[in-house]
Protein backbone atom coordinates (compact mmCIF):
# COMPACT_ATOMS: atom_id res chain seq x y z
CA MET A 1 -5.41 -13.21 11.87
CA ILE A 2 -7.13 -9.86 10.39
CA LYS A 3 -10.82 -9.78 10.13
CA LYS A 4 -12.29 -8.89 6.72
CA ILE A 5 -14.91 -5.54 6.29
CA ILE A 6 -16.81 -5.37 3.23
CA ILE A 7 -18.60 -2.45 2.33
CA LYS A 8 -21.96 -3.37 0.31
CA ASN A 9 -23.75 -1.04 -2.01
CA ILE A 10 -22.34 2.01 -1.39
CA PRO A 11 -21.00 2.79 -4.50
CA GLU A 12 -19.23 5.73 -3.44
CA ALA A 13 -16.93 3.18 -1.13
CA ALA A 14 -14.51 2.18 -3.69
CA ASP A 15 -13.73 5.34 -4.46
CA ILE A 16 -13.24 6.17 -0.67
CA ILE A 17 -10.72 3.11 -0.43
CA PHE A 18 -8.95 4.04 -3.63
CA TYR A 19 -8.05 7.36 -2.90
CA GLU A 20 -6.58 6.02 0.91
CA LEU A 21 -3.68 3.91 -1.07
CA GLN A 22 -1.61 7.07 -1.46
CA GLY A 23 -1.36 7.22 2.62
CA GLY A 24 -0.75 3.56 2.52
CA PHE A 25 -2.19 0.04 2.95
CA TYR A 26 -0.46 -3.19 4.15
CA ILE A 27 0.74 -6.24 2.12
CA GLU A 28 2.03 -9.29 3.98
CA ALA A 29 5.03 -10.97 2.87
CA LEU A 30 7.95 -12.96 3.79
CA SER A 31 10.70 -10.70 5.85
CA GLY A 32 14.10 -10.58 3.93
CA THR A 33 12.48 -11.06 0.48
CA THR A 34 13.78 -8.34 -2.05
CA ILE A 35 11.48 -5.61 -3.59
CA ILE A 36 11.69 -6.80 -6.53
CA SER A 37 9.66 -9.98 -5.34
CA PHE A 38 7.54 -8.80 -3.51
CA LEU A 39 5.99 -6.87 -6.35
CA THR A 40 5.82 -9.61 -8.39
CA GLU A 41 4.52 -12.59 -5.85
CA SER A 42 3.03 -10.59 -2.91
CA CYS A 43 1.40 -7.55 -5.36
CA ASP A 44 1.32 -9.65 -8.96
CA ILE A 45 2.80 -6.79 -10.90
CA PRO A 46 4.34 -8.26 -13.53
CA GLU A 47 8.55 -7.52 -14.00
CA SER A 48 8.32 -5.73 -17.44
CA TYR A 49 5.52 -3.12 -16.15
CA ILE A 50 8.21 -2.46 -13.16
CA ILE A 51 10.99 -1.97 -15.25
CA ASP A 52 9.01 -0.14 -17.73
CA LYS A 53 7.03 1.79 -15.30
CA ILE A 54 8.47 2.47 -12.15
CA LYS A 55 10.80 5.26 -11.92
CA THR A 56 10.91 5.55 -8.08
CA ILE A 57 11.25 3.53 -4.91
CA PHE A 58 11.25 4.90 -1.60
CA HIS A 59 12.40 2.04 1.10
CA ASN A 60 11.36 3.88 4.55
CA GLY A 61 11.92 6.96 3.18
CA ASN A 62 15.42 6.62 1.59
CA PRO A 63 15.40 5.91 -2.36
CA VAL A 64 16.28 2.54 -4.21
CA ASP A 65 18.36 1.78 -7.22
CA ASP A 66 18.76 -2.01 -6.78
CA ILE A 67 15.66 -3.35 -6.34
CA LYS A 68 17.25 -7.12 -6.84
CA THR A 69 19.22 -6.43 -3.39
CA VAL A 70 17.28 -4.33 -0.92
CA LYS A 71 15.11 -6.64 1.68
CA LEU A 72 12.13 -5.77 3.46
CA TYR A 73 11.68 -6.49 6.78
CA GLU A 74 9.50 -5.63 9.91
CA ASP A 75 8.18 -1.99 9.55
CA SER A 76 9.43 -1.81 5.88
CA VAL A 77 7.23 0.80 4.15
CA LEU A 78 7.85 0.97 0.07
CA ALA A 79 6.47 3.86 -1.71
CA ILE A 80 6.32 3.41 -5.56
CA SER A 81 6.01 5.75 -8.61
CA GLY A 82 6.48 6.51 -12.01
CA ALA A 83 8.43 9.35 -13.03
CA MET A 84 8.33 12.07 -10.64
CA PRO A 85 8.48 15.40 -12.11
CA GLY A 86 11.50 18.43 -11.91
CA ILE A 87 15.42 18.07 -10.84
CA VAL A 88 14.37 16.57 -7.63
CA GLY A 89 12.26 13.31 -9.77
CA ALA A 90 15.24 13.43 -11.67
CA MET A 91 17.64 12.57 -9.14
CA MET A 92 15.31 10.30 -6.96
CA ARG A 93 15.00 7.95 -9.68
CA ILE A 94 16.23 4.45 -10.28
CA GLY A 95 19.53 4.15 -12.12
CA SER A 96 19.78 8.46 -11.80
CA PRO A 97 22.82 9.82 -13.43
CA TYR A 98 22.41 12.08 -10.07
CA ALA A 99 22.32 9.06 -8.39
CA PRO A 100 26.24 9.85 -6.42
CA MET A 101 24.34 13.35 -5.36
CA ARG A 102 22.15 11.28 -3.12
CA GLU A 103 24.42 8.82 -2.83
CA ASN A 104 24.51 9.05 1.35
CA ILE A 105 20.83 8.62 1.89
CA THR A 106 20.38 5.78 -0.90
CA ASP A 107 19.31 2.42 0.55
CA LYS A 108 21.87 -0.26 -0.69
CA GLY A 109 20.04 -3.14 1.50
CA SER A 110 22.72 -3.14 3.92
CA ARG A 111 20.00 -3.87 6.84
CA GLU A 112 19.37 -7.26 8.54
CA GLY A 113 17.13 -9.18 10.37
CA VAL A 114 14.69 -12.02 10.94
CA ILE A 115 14.12 -13.88 7.62
CA GLY A 116 10.58 -15.98 6.55
CA LYS A 117 8.36 -14.53 9.13
CA THR A 118 5.24 -13.32 7.50
CA ILE A 119 5.22 -9.24 8.21
CA PRO A 120 3.35 -6.68 6.70
CA VAL A 121 4.76 -4.48 4.56
CA LYS A 122 3.14 -0.71 4.15
CA LEU A 123 2.60 0.01 0.31
CA LYS A 124 2.32 3.60 -0.93
CA LEU A 125 1.31 3.99 -4.51
CA PHE A 126 1.78 7.20 -6.68
CA ASN A 127 0.97 8.70 -9.84
CA VAL A 128 0.64 5.92 -13.00
CA ILE A 129 1.51 2.79 -10.61
CA LEU A 130 -1.75 4.47 -8.92
CA SER A 131 -3.89 4.55 -11.67
CA ASP A 132 -2.60 1.66 -12.67
CA TYR A 133 -3.01 -1.18 -9.80
CA GLY A 134 -5.25 1.23 -7.71
CA LYS A 135 -8.28 -0.34 -8.63
CA ARG A 136 -6.96 -3.77 -8.52
CA PHE A 137 -5.74 -3.67 -4.72
CA THR A 138 -9.00 -1.82 -3.75
CA GLU A 139 -11.16 -5.07 -5.61
CA ASN A 140 -9.03 -7.62 -3.80
CA GLY A 141 -9.42 -5.82 -0.63
CA VAL A 142 -6.31 -4.20 1.12
CA ILE A 143 -5.40 -3.80 4.57
CA PHE A 144 -5.67 -0.65 6.69
CA GLU A 145 -4.63 0.71 10.17
CA ARG A 146 -8.00 0.65 12.45
CA GLU A 147 -7.41 4.30 12.41
CA THR A 148 -7.87 4.57 8.53
CA ILE A 149 -10.73 1.88 8.70
CA HIS A 150 -12.46 4.50 11.18
CA ARG A 151 -12.01 7.26 8.54
CA LEU A 152 -13.37 5.41 5.70
CA ILE A 153 -16.21 4.27 7.39
CA ARG A 154 -17.46 8.05 8.53
CA LYS A 155 -16.47 9.06 4.82
CA CYS A 156 -18.89 6.57 3.39
CA GLU A 157 -21.50 7.49 5.44
CA SER A 158 -20.99 11.25 4.75
CA ALA A 159 -20.70 10.60 1.31
CA VAL A 160 -24.32 8.83 1.37
CA GLY A 161 -25.82 10.56 4.35
CA LYS A 162 -26.67 8.04 6.91
CA LYS A 163 -25.98 5.31 8.05
CA PHE A 164 -25.37 1.72 6.84
CA LEU A 165 -24.43 -1.84 7.35
CA ILE A 166 -21.16 -3.33 6.85
CA ASN A 167 -19.96 -6.98 7.08
CA ILE A 168 -17.35 -7.53 9.30
CA ASP A 169 -16.25 -11.86 8.89
CA ASN A 170 -19.96 -12.28 7.97
CA THR A 171 -21.55 -10.56 10.74
CA SER A 172 -23.34 -7.28 10.27
CA PHE A 173 -22.03 -4.38 12.01
CA GLU A 174 -23.93 -0.99 12.24
CA SER A 175 -21.71 1.68 10.45
CA SER A 176 -22.31 4.47 13.08
CA ASN A 177 -20.35 1.94 16.02
CA VAL A 178 -17.19 1.91 13.72
CA GLU A 179 -15.16 3.00 16.79
CA GLN A 180 -15.91 -0.10 18.29
CA LEU A 181 -13.72 -1.76 16.25
CA THR A 182 -10.43 -2.25 17.88
CA ASP A 183 -7.92 -4.60 16.31
CA GLU A 184 -5.06 -3.00 14.60
CA LYS A 185 -5.28 -4.26 11.36
CA TYR A 186 -8.50 -4.96 8.88
CA LEU A 187 -8.56 -5.77 5.27
CA ILE A 188 -11.19 -3.99 3.38
CA SER A 189 -13.29 -4.22 0.18
CA SER A 190 -16.18 -3.12 -1.33
CA ALA A 191 -19.32 -4.68 -2.92
CA VAL A 192 -22.06 -3.28 -5.59
């Protein structure tokens, strides 16, 4: 079970967590789920928003055109963005007329794996998607790897200029002892 960290009474914490979302955080999902199901069910993003705003998706570093076919498995990394600028942005866009030029790198959903197992999917948010959904994710709490948690807590200490208490599964813990956090991943949120 993933331990829950709450940073209380540090107003800067929400912004510090927010800016880490581009580097990637984890959302649990069932392996074998499609990208569209992951975004609507696990991330609670409406399908209408996905169609209107999400213009570029990368799965494990490869552009995606069909979000109803590509499935997520262990170690999936999903990066979602609005329209990206320039010719490269136009080429990588979902359903781009330039898609044939990137045919050999496009993820077509041919990967297979175990179905129905709970897995952590690494999600990266960019530009308009980060702006529209980042705050909601941070308010609900996001899962980060241990090294990111260490960095977040050190940034919070730096922002307030002192040590502070954090709450880990309802137990107080001093921020200066951050290196003692040894679990692989933690769910973190802030409360003022």
